[in-house]
Amino acid sequence: MISYPGAQAMGDNVVDFDSEKHNHQFKRKEAKADAIRQAFRQARGESDSGNPRRKKKSKKRK
């Protein structure tokens, strides 16, 4: 094997593409799911806020 100066430093520059790929795929899936959720909310006529508004049932005291 040929050794030269800086050979060990070259091994430190290895990039793990698989972990970055998984992070990227997860973010894309989440963005797609959010887009689908938003489309369903718009189709139902709900507001874009995260808290859907519901009518509170009044409790009658006896």
C-alpha atoms as a PDB file:
ATOM      1  CA  MET A   1       0.000   0.000   0.000  1.00  0.00           C
ATOM      2  CA  ILE A   2       1.243   3.458  -0.806  1.00  0.00           C
ATOM      3  CA  SER A   3       1.210   5.914   2.043  1.00  0.00           C
ATOM      4  CA  TYR A   4       1.471   9.606   1.543  1.00  0.00           C
ATOM      5  CA  PRO A   5       1.034  12.627   3.764  1.00  0.00           C
ATOM      6  CA  GLY A   6      -2.588  13.457   4.420  1.00  0.00           C
ATOM      7  CA  ALA A   7      -3.894   9.954   3.682  1.00  0.00           C
ATOM      8  CA  GLN A   8      -5.528   9.663   7.095  1.00  0.00           C
ATOM      9  CA  ALA A   9      -7.104  13.105   6.820  1.00  0.00           C
ATOM     10  CA  MET A  10      -8.781  11.979   3.617  1.00  0.00           C
ATOM     11  CA  GLY A  11     -10.664   9.260   5.503  1.00  0.00           C
ATOM     12  CA  ASP A  12     -12.153  11.876   7.817  1.00  0.00           C
ATOM     13  CA  ASN A  13     -13.928  13.560   4.904  1.00  0.00           C
ATOM     14  CA  VAL A  14     -16.310  10.668   4.253  1.00  0.00           C
ATOM     15  CA  VAL A  15     -19.927  11.762   3.884  1.00  0.00           C
ATOM     16  CA  ASP A  16     -22.786   9.464   4.866  1.00  0.00           C
ATOM     17  CA  PHE A  17     -25.223   9.974   2.004  1.00  0.00           C
ATOM     18  CA  ASP A  18     -27.723   7.394   3.254  1.00  0.00           C
ATOM     19  CA  SER A  19     -28.564   9.268   6.450  1.00  0.00           C
ATOM     20  CA  GLU A  20     -28.987  12.515   4.542  1.00  0.00           C
ATOM     21  CA  LYS A  21     -31.142  10.713   1.978  1.00  0.00           C
ATOM     22  CA  HIS A  22     -33.420   9.355   4.709  1.00  0.00           C
ATOM     23  CA  ASN A  23     -33.770  12.808   6.279  1.00  0.00           C
ATOM     24  CA  HIS A  24     -34.635  14.298   2.896  1.00  0.00           C
ATOM     25  CA  GLN A  25     -37.178  11.577   2.112  1.00  0.00           C
ATOM     26  CA  PHE A  26     -38.831  12.000   5.519  1.00  0.00           C
ATOM     27  CA  LYS A  27     -39.159  15.763   5.021  1.00  0.00           C
ATOM     28  CA  ARG A  28     -40.682  15.243   1.570  1.00  0.00           C
ATOM     29  CA  LYS A  29     -43.201  12.719   2.933  1.00  0.00           C
ATOM     30  CA  GLU A  30     -44.176  15.110   5.723  1.00  0.00           C
ATOM     31  CA  ALA A  31     -44.596  17.975   3.258  1.00  0.00           C
ATOM     32  CA  LYS A  32     -46.785  15.798   1.049  1.00  0.00           C
ATOM     33  CA  ALA A  33     -48.919  14.722   4.022  1.00  0.00           C
ATOM     34  CA  ASP A  34     -49.304  18.350   5.122  1.00  0.00           C
ATOM     35  CA  ALA A  35     -50.410  19.337   1.617  1.00  0.00           C
ATOM     36  CA  ILE A  36     -53.015  16.560   1.611  1.00  0.00           C
ATOM     37  CA  ARG A  37     -54.276  17.581   5.076  1.00  0.00           C
ATOM     38  CA  GLN A  38     -54.580  21.187   3.962  1.00  0.00           C
ATOM     39  CA  ALA A  39     -56.458  20.163   0.803  1.00  0.00           C
ATOM     40  CA  PHE A  40     -58.958  18.143   2.859  1.00  0.00           C
ATOM     41  CA  ARG A  41     -59.458  21.038   5.264  1.00  0.00           C
ATOM     42  CA  GLN A  42     -60.156  23.388   2.378  1.00  0.00           C
ATOM     43  CA  ALA A  43     -62.548  20.869   0.816  1.00  0.00           C
ATOM     44  CA  ARG A  44     -64.472  20.651   4.100  1.00  0.00           C
ATOM     45  CA  GLY A  45     -64.495  24.427   4.372  1.00  0.00           C
ATOM     46  CA  GLU A  46     -62.474  24.604   7.565  1.00  0.00           C
ATOM     47  CA  SER A  47     -60.138  27.472   8.314  1.00  0.00           C
ATOM     48  CA  ASP A  48     -56.394  27.114   7.836  1.00  0.00           C
ATOM     49  CA  SER A  49     -55.691  27.485  11.540  1.00  0.00           C
ATOM     50  CA  GLY A  50     -54.452  24.455  13.404  1.00  0.00           C
ATOM     51  CA  ASN A  51     -57.404  24.482  15.807  1.00  0.00           C
ATOM     52  CA  PRO A  52     -60.718  23.585  14.216  1.00  0.00           C
ATOM     53  CA  ARG A  53     -63.561  25.583  15.673  1.00  0.00           C
ATOM     54  CA  ARG A  54     -66.367  23.597  17.192  1.00  0.00           C
ATOM     55  CA  LYS A  55     -69.505  24.744  18.859  1.00  0.00           C
ATOM     56  CA  LYS A  56     -69.486  24.104  22.555  1.00  0.00           C
ATOM     57  CA  LYS A  57     -72.526  22.368  23.913  1.00  0.00           C
ATOM     58  CA  SER A  58     -74.067  24.320  26.722  1.00  0.00           C
ATOM     59  CA  LYS A  59     -74.646  22.338  29.844  1.00  0.00           C
ATOM     60  CA  LYS A  60     -77.953  22.966  31.508  1.00  0.00           C
ATOM     61  CA  ARG A  61     -77.931  22.863  35.253  1.00  0.00           C
ATOM     62  CA  LYS A  62     -80.799  21.117  36.934  1.00  0.00           C
END
